[in-house]
C-alpha atoms as a PDB file:
ATOM      1  CA  MET A   1     -16.921   9.655   0.461  1.00  0.00           C
ATOM      2  CA  ARG A   2     -16.132  12.710   0.841  1.00  0.00           C
ATOM      3  CA  LEU A   3     -17.083  14.828  -2.652  1.00  0.00           C
ATOM      4  CA  ASP A   4     -13.366  16.619  -2.817  1.00  0.00           C
ATOM      5  CA  ARG A   5     -12.105  13.156  -2.299  1.00  0.00           C
ATOM      6  CA  TYR A   6     -15.085  11.756  -5.211  1.00  0.00           C
ATOM      7  CA  LEU A   7     -14.392  14.513  -7.362  1.00  0.00           C
ATOM      8  CA  SER A   8     -10.418  14.160  -7.005  1.00  0.00           C
ATOM      9  CA  ASN A   9     -10.763  10.367  -8.235  1.00  0.00           C
ATOM     10  CA  VAL A  10     -13.024  10.779 -11.480  1.00  0.00           C
ATOM     11  CA  THR A  11     -11.518  13.740 -12.576  1.00  0.00           C
ATOM     12  CA  THR A  12      -8.065  14.634 -13.557  1.00  0.00           C
ATOM     13  CA  LEU A  13      -8.118  17.786 -10.994  1.00  0.00           C
ATOM     14  CA  THR A  14      -6.154  17.378  -7.689  1.00  0.00           C
ATOM     15  CA  ARG A  15      -7.990  17.248  -4.193  1.00  0.00           C
ATOM     16  CA  SER A  16      -7.245  21.066  -3.933  1.00  0.00           C
ATOM     17  CA  GLN A  17      -8.771  21.755  -7.203  1.00  0.00           C
ATOM     18  CA  ALA A  18     -11.313  20.488  -6.054  1.00  0.00           C
ATOM     19  CA  GLN A  19     -12.023  21.982  -3.019  1.00  0.00           C
ATOM     20  CA  LYS A  20     -11.792  25.335  -4.701  1.00  0.00           C
ATOM     21  CA  ALA A  21     -13.978  23.991  -7.365  1.00  0.00           C
ATOM     22  CA  ILE A  22     -16.634  22.843  -5.011  1.00  0.00           C
ATOM     23  CA  ARG A  23     -16.485  26.235  -2.755  1.00  0.00           C
ATOM     24  CA  GLY A  24     -16.717  27.800  -5.859  1.00  0.00           C
ATOM     25  CA  GLY A  25     -20.183  26.537  -6.823  1.00  0.00           C
ATOM     26  CA  ARG A  26     -19.209  24.725  -9.340  1.00  0.00           C
ATOM     27  CA  VAL A  27     -20.381  21.161  -8.497  1.00  0.00           C
ATOM     28  CA  SER A  28     -23.661  19.772  -7.857  1.00  0.00           C
ATOM     29  CA  VAL A  29     -24.764  16.582  -6.310  1.00  0.00           C
ATOM     30  CA  ASP A  30     -28.408  15.193  -7.635  1.00  0.00           C
ATOM     31  CA  GLY A  31     -29.127  18.542  -8.978  1.00  0.00           C
ATOM     32  CA  GLU A  32     -27.978  20.477  -6.100  1.00  0.00           C
ATOM     33  CA  PRO A  33     -25.747  22.884  -5.895  1.00  0.00           C
ATOM     34  CA  GLN A  34     -22.924  21.974  -3.022  1.00  0.00           C
ATOM     35  CA  LYS A  35     -20.302  24.071  -1.496  1.00  0.00           C
ATOM     36  CA  GLN A  36     -19.430  21.873   1.190  1.00  0.00           C
ATOM     37  CA  PRO A  37     -15.749  19.846   0.204  1.00  0.00           C
ATOM     38  CA  SER A  38     -16.536  17.443   3.551  1.00  0.00           C
ATOM     39  CA  SER A  39     -20.274  16.405   2.695  1.00  0.00           C
ATOM     40  CA  ASN A  40     -20.548  12.854   1.752  1.00  0.00           C
ATOM     41  CA  VAL A  41     -20.933  11.331  -1.296  1.00  0.00           C
ATOM     42  CA  MET A  42     -23.646   8.167  -2.039  1.00  0.00           C
ATOM     43  CA  GLU A  43     -22.519   5.682  -4.557  1.00  0.00           C
ATOM     44  CA  ALA A  44     -25.281   6.279  -6.669  1.00  0.00           C
ATOM     45  CA  ALA A  45     -24.974  10.032  -6.817  1.00  0.00           C
ATOM     46  CA  ALA A  46     -25.096  12.029  -9.563  1.00  0.00           C
ATOM     47  CA  VAL A  47     -22.780  14.727  -9.285  1.00  0.00           C
ATOM     48  CA  SER A  48     -22.188  17.403 -11.965  1.00  0.00           C
ATOM     49  CA  LEU A  49     -19.197  20.070 -12.415  1.00  0.00           C
ATOM     50  CA  ASP A  50     -19.893  22.516 -14.728  1.00  0.00           C
ATOM     51  CA  GLY A  51     -23.105  21.528 -15.788  1.00  0.00           C
ATOM     52  CA  GLY A  52     -21.673  18.247 -16.784  1.00  0.00           C
ATOM     53  CA  LEU A  53     -22.053  15.013 -15.328  1.00  0.00           C
ATOM     54  CA  VAL A  54     -18.740  13.311 -13.855  1.00  0.00           C
ATOM     55  CA  ALA A  55     -19.029   9.375 -14.646  1.00  0.00           C
ATOM     56  CA  ARG A  56     -17.548   6.937 -11.622  1.00  0.00           C
ATOM     57  CA  HIS A  57     -15.154   4.824 -12.684  1.00  0.00           C
ATOM     58  CA  GLU A  58     -14.729   1.142 -11.234  1.00  0.00           C
ATOM     59  CA  PRO A  59     -11.808   1.001  -8.873  1.00  0.00           C
ATOM     60  CA  ARG A  60      -8.597  -0.370 -10.430  1.00  0.00           C
ATOM     61  CA  TYR A  61      -7.162  -2.832  -8.303  1.00  0.00           C
ATOM     62  CA  PHE A  62      -3.025  -4.188  -9.251  1.00  0.00           C
ATOM     63  CA  MET A  63      -0.816  -6.213  -7.899  1.00  0.00           C
ATOM     64  CA  LEU A  64       2.989  -5.160  -9.414  1.00  0.00           C
ATOM     65  CA  TYR A  65       6.728  -7.225  -8.633  1.00  0.00           C
ATOM     66  CA  LYS A  66       8.397  -4.376  -7.762  1.00  0.00           C
ATOM     67  CA  PRO A  67      11.832  -4.238  -8.952  1.00  0.00           C
ATOM     68  CA  GLU A  68      14.754  -2.863  -6.900  1.00  0.00           C
ATOM     69  CA  GLY A  69      15.727   1.163  -7.862  1.00  0.00           C
ATOM     70  CA  TYR A  70      12.215   2.385  -8.185  1.00  0.00           C
ATOM     71  CA  VAL A  71      10.443   5.165  -5.581  1.00  0.00           C
ATOM     72  CA  CYS A  72       6.886   4.583  -4.366  1.00  0.00           C
ATOM     73  CA  SER A  73       6.181   8.359  -4.793  1.00  0.00           C
ATOM     74  CA  THR A  74       3.537   9.309  -7.275  1.00  0.00           C
ATOM     75  CA  GLU A  75       6.060  11.989  -7.803  1.00  0.00           C
ATOM     76  CA  PRO A  76       9.449  11.064  -8.263  1.00  0.00           C
ATOM     77  CA  GLU A  77      12.786  13.321  -8.276  1.00  0.00           C
ATOM     78  CA  LEU A  78      16.025  11.696  -8.404  1.00  0.00           C
ATOM     79  CA  HIS A  79      15.097   7.999  -9.197  1.00  0.00           C
ATOM     80  CA  PRO A  80      12.392   6.388 -11.311  1.00  0.00           C
ATOM     81  CA  GLY A  81       8.593   5.857  -9.931  1.00  0.00           C
ATOM     82  CA  VAL A  82       6.769   2.905  -9.882  1.00  0.00           C
ATOM     83  CA  LEU A  83       3.906   4.302 -11.440  1.00  0.00           C
ATOM     84  CA  ASP A  84       6.169   4.729 -15.053  1.00  0.00           C
ATOM     85  CA  LEU A  85       5.668   0.828 -14.706  1.00  0.00           C
ATOM     86  CA  LEU A  86       2.264   0.582 -15.622  1.00  0.00           C
ATOM     87  CA  ASP A  87       0.837   0.648 -18.937  1.00  0.00           C
ATOM     88  CA  GLU A  88      -2.090   2.582 -17.744  1.00  0.00           C
ATOM     89  CA  ALA A  89      -4.579   5.576 -19.644  1.00  0.00           C
ATOM     90  CA  THR A  90      -4.180   7.442 -16.433  1.00  0.00           C
ATOM     91  CA  ALA A  91      -2.621   7.196 -12.829  1.00  0.00           C
ATOM     92  CA  THR A  92      -5.042   9.385 -11.539  1.00  0.00           C
ATOM     93  CA  GLY A  93      -6.248   8.402  -8.201  1.00  0.00           C
ATOM     94  CA  LEU A  94      -3.922   5.673  -8.220  1.00  0.00           C
ATOM     95  CA  HIS A  95      -1.919   5.391  -4.513  1.00  0.00           C
ATOM     96  CA  PHE A  96       0.075   2.884  -3.026  1.00  0.00           C
ATOM     97  CA  VAL A  97      -0.954  -0.310  -0.410  1.00  0.00           C
ATOM     98  CA  SER A  98       1.981   0.071   2.215  1.00  0.00           C
ATOM     99  CA  ARG A  99       5.016   1.220  -0.045  1.00  0.00           C
ATOM    100  CA  LEU A 100       8.211  -0.554  -0.207  1.00  0.00           C
ATOM    101  CA  ASP A 101      11.803   1.130  -0.434  1.00  0.00           C
ATOM    102  CA  ILE A 102      13.798   1.275  -3.257  1.00  0.00           C
ATOM    103  CA  ASP A 103      15.831  -1.080  -2.461  1.00  0.00           C
ATOM    104  CA  VAL A 104      13.389  -3.514  -1.489  1.00  0.00           C
ATOM    105  CA  THR A 105      11.553  -5.751  -3.906  1.00  0.00           C
ATOM    106  CA  GLY A 106       8.261  -7.978  -4.277  1.00  0.00           C
ATOM    107  CA  LEU A 107       4.946  -7.615  -3.742  1.00  0.00           C
ATOM    108  CA  LEU A 108       2.982  -4.359  -4.094  1.00  0.00           C
ATOM    109  CA  LEU A 109      -0.474  -3.102  -4.302  1.00  0.00           C
ATOM    110  CA  ILE A 110      -1.623  -0.208  -6.378  1.00  0.00           C
ATOM    111  CA  THR A 111      -5.331   0.939  -6.150  1.00  0.00           C
ATOM    112  CA  ASP A 112      -7.536   4.117  -6.209  1.00  0.00           C
ATOM    113  CA  ASP A 113      -9.942   2.644  -4.045  1.00  0.00           C
ATOM    114  CA  GLY A 114      -9.043   4.111  -0.764  1.00  0.00           C
ATOM    115  CA  ALA A 115     -11.708   2.256   1.431  1.00  0.00           C
ATOM    116  CA  TRP A 116     -10.040  -0.827   0.358  1.00  0.00           C
ATOM    117  CA  SER A 117      -6.661   0.330   1.045  1.00  0.00           C
ATOM    118  CA  HIS A 118      -7.771   1.587   4.172  1.00  0.00           C
ATOM    119  CA  ARG A 119      -8.900  -1.939   5.471  1.00  0.00           C
ATOM    120  CA  ILE A 120      -5.587  -3.621   4.978  1.00  0.00           C
ATOM    121  CA  LEU A 121      -3.249  -0.955   6.533  1.00  0.00           C
ATOM    122  CA  ALA A 122      -6.093  -0.148   9.323  1.00  0.00           C
ATOM    123  CA  PRO A 123      -4.034  -1.281  12.463  1.00  0.00           C
ATOM    124  CA  ALA A 124      -7.163  -3.177  14.360  1.00  0.00           C
ATOM    125  CA  ARG A 125      -7.461  -5.612  11.413  1.00  0.00           C
ATOM    126  CA  LYS A 126      -3.652  -6.554  11.594  1.00  0.00           C
ATOM    127  CA  CYS A 127      -3.227  -7.636   8.497  1.00  0.00           C
ATOM    128  CA  SER A 128       0.108  -9.488   7.558  1.00  0.00           C
ATOM    129  CA  LYS A 129       2.717  -8.931   5.571  1.00  0.00           C
ATOM    130  CA  ARG A 130       5.826 -12.108   5.320  1.00  0.00           C
ATOM    131  CA  TYR A 131       9.339 -10.859   3.887  1.00  0.00           C
ATOM    132  CA  LEU A 132      12.011 -13.561   2.929  1.00  0.00           C
ATOM    133  CA  VAL A 133      14.796 -11.494   4.314  1.00  0.00           C
ATOM    134  CA  THR A 134      18.498 -12.271   4.089  1.00  0.00           C
ATOM    135  CA  LEU A 135      21.475 -11.498   6.356  1.00  0.00           C
ATOM    136  CA  ALA A 136      24.581  -9.863   6.847  1.00  0.00           C
ATOM    137  CA  GLU A 137      25.250 -11.983   9.641  1.00  0.00           C
ATOM    138  CA  SER A 138      23.798 -15.564  10.625  1.00  0.00           C
ATOM    139  CA  LEU A 139      20.737 -15.632  12.253  1.00  0.00           C
ATOM    140  CA  SER A 140      20.352 -17.674  15.686  1.00  0.00           C
ATOM    141  CA  GLU A 141      17.878 -19.121  17.625  1.00  0.00           C
ATOM    142  CA  ARG A 142      17.953 -17.251  20.238  1.00  0.00           C
ATOM    143  CA  ASP A 143      17.648 -13.988  18.372  1.00  0.00           C
ATOM    144  CA  ALA A 144      14.935 -15.636  16.432  1.00  0.00           C
ATOM    145  CA  GLU A 145      12.818 -16.265  19.586  1.00  0.00           C
ATOM    146  CA  ARG A 146      13.113 -12.625  20.524  1.00  0.00           C
ATOM    147  CA  LEU A 147      11.642 -11.311  17.234  1.00  0.00           C
ATOM    148  CA  ARG A 148       8.646 -14.233  17.760  1.00  0.00           C
ATOM    149  CA  GLN A 149       8.032 -12.586  21.441  1.00  0.00           C
ATOM    150  CA  GLY A 150       8.459  -9.025  20.360  1.00  0.00           C
ATOM    151  CA  ILE A 151      12.055  -6.881  20.251  1.00  0.00           C
ATOM    152  CA  LEU A 152      11.984  -3.168  21.125  1.00  0.00           C
ATOM    153  CA  LEU A 153      13.282  -0.873  18.640  1.00  0.00           C
ATOM    154  CA  CYS A 154      15.805   1.995  18.626  1.00  0.00           C
ATOM    155  CA  SER A 155      13.775   5.363  19.744  1.00  0.00           C
ATOM    156  CA  GLU A 156      10.814   3.458  20.986  1.00  0.00           C
ATOM    157  CA  ALA A 157       8.616   2.974  23.670  1.00  0.00           C
ATOM    158  CA  ARG A 158       7.053  -0.315  23.068  1.00  0.00           C
ATOM    159  CA  PRO A 159       8.078  -3.673  21.437  1.00  0.00           C
ATOM    160  CA  THR A 160       6.975  -4.915  18.514  1.00  0.00           C
ATOM    161  CA  LYS A 161       4.230  -6.997  18.552  1.00  0.00           C
ATOM    162  CA  PRO A 162       4.970 -11.212  18.049  1.00  0.00           C
ATOM    163  CA  ALA A 163       6.368 -11.804  14.497  1.00  0.00           C
ATOM    164  CA  GLN A 164       6.389 -15.411  12.845  1.00  0.00           C
ATOM    165  CA  LEU A 165       9.824 -16.622  11.835  1.00  0.00           C
ATOM    166  CA  GLN A 166      11.041 -19.527   9.889  1.00  0.00           C
ATOM    167  CA  LEU A 167      14.199 -19.836   9.101  1.00  0.00           C
ATOM    168  CA  VAL A 168      15.404 -20.464   6.032  1.00  0.00           C
ATOM    169  CA  SER A 169      19.487 -20.950   5.882  1.00  0.00           C
ATOM    170  CA  SER A 170      22.290 -19.912   8.375  1.00  0.00           C
ATOM    171  CA  ASN A 171      21.628 -16.078   7.218  1.00  0.00           C
ATOM    172  CA  SER A 172      18.016 -16.043   6.139  1.00  0.00           C
ATOM    173  CA  CYS A 173      14.648 -16.496   6.998  1.00  0.00           C
ATOM    174  CA  ARG A 174      10.757 -15.931   6.513  1.00  0.00           C
ATOM    175  CA  LEU A 175       9.584 -13.165   8.479  1.00  0.00           C
ATOM    176  CA  THR A 176       5.922 -12.426   8.867  1.00  0.00           C
ATOM    177  CA  ILE A 177       4.628  -9.143  10.743  1.00  0.00           C
ATOM    178  CA  THR A 178       1.055  -7.147  11.453  1.00  0.00           C
ATOM    179  CA  GLU A 179       2.904  -4.040  11.845  1.00  0.00           C
ATOM    180  CA  GLY A 180       3.831  -1.344   9.312  1.00  0.00           C
ATOM    181  CA  ARG A 181       6.616   1.230  11.748  1.00  0.00           C
ATOM    182  CA  TYR A 182       8.540   3.063   9.860  1.00  0.00           C
ATOM    183  CA  HIS A 183      11.763   0.490   8.409  1.00  0.00           C
ATOM    184  CA  GLN A 184      10.202  -1.795  10.772  1.00  0.00           C
ATOM    185  CA  VAL A 185      11.593  -4.870   9.256  1.00  0.00           C
ATOM    186  CA  LYS A 186      15.290  -3.322   9.281  1.00  0.00           C
ATOM    187  CA  ARG A 187      15.353  -2.111  12.129  1.00  0.00           C
ATOM    188  CA  MET A 188      14.201  -5.330  14.146  1.00  0.00           C
ATOM    189  CA  PHE A 189      17.272  -6.948  12.762  1.00  0.00           C
ATOM    190  CA  ALA A 190      19.462  -3.806  13.450  1.00  0.00           C
ATOM    191  CA  ALA A 191      18.223  -4.275  17.223  1.00  0.00           C
ATOM    192  CA  LEU A 192      19.976  -7.640  16.800  1.00  0.00           C
ATOM    193  CA  GLY A 193      23.089  -6.108  15.994  1.00  0.00           C
ATOM    194  CA  ASN A 194      22.167  -7.509  12.346  1.00  0.00           C
ATOM    195  CA  ARG A 195      22.004  -6.042   8.908  1.00  0.00           C
ATOM    196  CA  VAL A 196      19.383  -6.848   6.032  1.00  0.00           C
ATOM    197  CA  VAL A 197      21.062  -7.105   2.880  1.00  0.00           C
ATOM    198  CA  VAL A 198      17.819  -8.166   0.643  1.00  0.00           C
ATOM    199  CA  LEU A 199      14.322  -7.510   1.852  1.00  0.00           C
ATOM    200  CA  HIS A 200      11.712  -9.309  -0.488  1.00  0.00           C
ATOM    201  CA  ARG A 201       8.079  -9.126   0.086  1.00  0.00           C
ATOM    202  CA  GLU A 202       6.036 -12.478  -0.873  1.00  0.00           C
ATOM    203  CA  ARG A 203       2.161 -11.551   0.333  1.00  0.00           C
ATOM    204  CA  ILE A 204      -0.035  -9.102   1.934  1.00  0.00           C
ATOM    205  CA  GLY A 205      -2.747 -10.792   4.025  1.00  0.00           C
ATOM    206  CA  GLY A 206      -4.127 -14.039   1.596  1.00  0.00           C
ATOM    207  CA  LEU A 207      -2.426 -12.382  -1.788  1.00  0.00           C
ATOM    208  CA  GLN A 208       0.733 -13.845  -2.498  1.00  0.00           C
ATOM    209  CA  LEU A 209       2.690 -12.122  -5.265  1.00  0.00           C
ATOM    210  CA  ASP A 210       1.930 -14.240  -8.325  1.00  0.00           C
ATOM    211  CA  PRO A 211       5.471 -16.496  -9.174  1.00  0.00           C
ATOM    212  CA  ASP A 212       4.228 -15.827 -13.508  1.00  0.00           C
ATOM    213  CA  LEU A 213       5.243 -11.788 -12.927  1.00  0.00           C
ATOM    214  CA  SER A 214       8.427 -11.056 -13.621  1.00  0.00           C
ATOM    215  CA  PRO A 215       9.859  -7.972 -11.851  1.00  0.00           C
ATOM    216  CA  GLY A 216       8.354  -4.261 -13.447  1.00  0.00           C
ATOM    217  CA  ASN A 217       5.799  -6.333 -14.500  1.00  0.00           C
ATOM    218  CA  TYR A 218       2.090  -6.112 -13.106  1.00  0.00           C
ATOM    219  CA  ARG A 219      -1.528  -7.710 -13.228  1.00  0.00           C
ATOM    220  CA  ALA A 220      -5.148  -6.561 -12.510  1.00  0.00           C
ATOM    221  CA  LEU A 221      -6.766  -8.140  -9.377  1.00  0.00           C
ATOM    222  CA  THR A 222      -9.203 -11.159  -9.185  1.00  0.00           C
ATOM    223  CA  GLU A 223     -12.689  -9.897  -7.264  1.00  0.00           C
ATOM    224  CA  ASP A 224     -11.817 -13.204  -5.227  1.00  0.00           C
ATOM    225  CA  GLU A 225      -8.511 -11.726  -4.734  1.00  0.00           C
ATOM    226  CA  ILE A 226      -9.511  -8.636  -4.132  1.00  0.00           C
ATOM    227  CA  GLY A 227     -11.942  -9.854  -1.322  1.00  0.00           C
ATOM    228  CA  GLY A 228      -9.604 -12.984  -0.369  1.00  0.00           C
ATOM    229  CA  ILE A 229      -6.575 -10.653   0.530  1.00  0.00           C
ATOM    230  CA  PHE A 230      -8.212 -10.062   3.823  1.00  0.00           C
ATOM    231  CA  THR A 231      -8.850 -14.369   4.816  1.00  0.00           C
ATOM    232  CA  GLU A 232      -5.306 -14.577   6.539  1.00  0.00           C
ATOM    233  CA  PRO A 233      -3.617 -18.058   5.488  1.00  0.00           C
END
């Protein structure tokens, strides 16, 4: 991991503050001064700031049932932020894995393990996301098949990758995608002349939203869940 990122993860310093501290000669690694923010730090390295050893904390992994009306932002302005729902000593370093819009509910993953979240979001891994979608209009089997094959979104040059789709009722379905384009689910149905009324994320990879969680509640992931997310159902 980069030294500046490491330092911001294990202290209250922001990334830019960590870079300034490193360049200012305030940081040493294994007893040697280090002035390059981009230098790599091994997991077992002893990192000191102003002569004091900084301890590397264990990574945190949470699943939260995101309610409507909250924004996935570490610095919310007009609306309440999701991190306000966490009862943690500090939110320093925490970030969202695949954000949800203010009106979207369901499974939200929160962690301070950047490598883990990168593996989930990496396009090459094709980690799937499943949504329960309620539409303004009925969805025909013909339109459902268009989504399964891939559909061209407005202002894009290439169609979406094939999706899995299961009709639940005349105007609701379960949609599974492996991409993360901007507002992708809403835009996929808009391309069919339909409109998403309610959007709820049920699953990411092999990890489903805990049915015992109510909106606004969260819990830590188990070790099996942390690794099991990469096992597609």
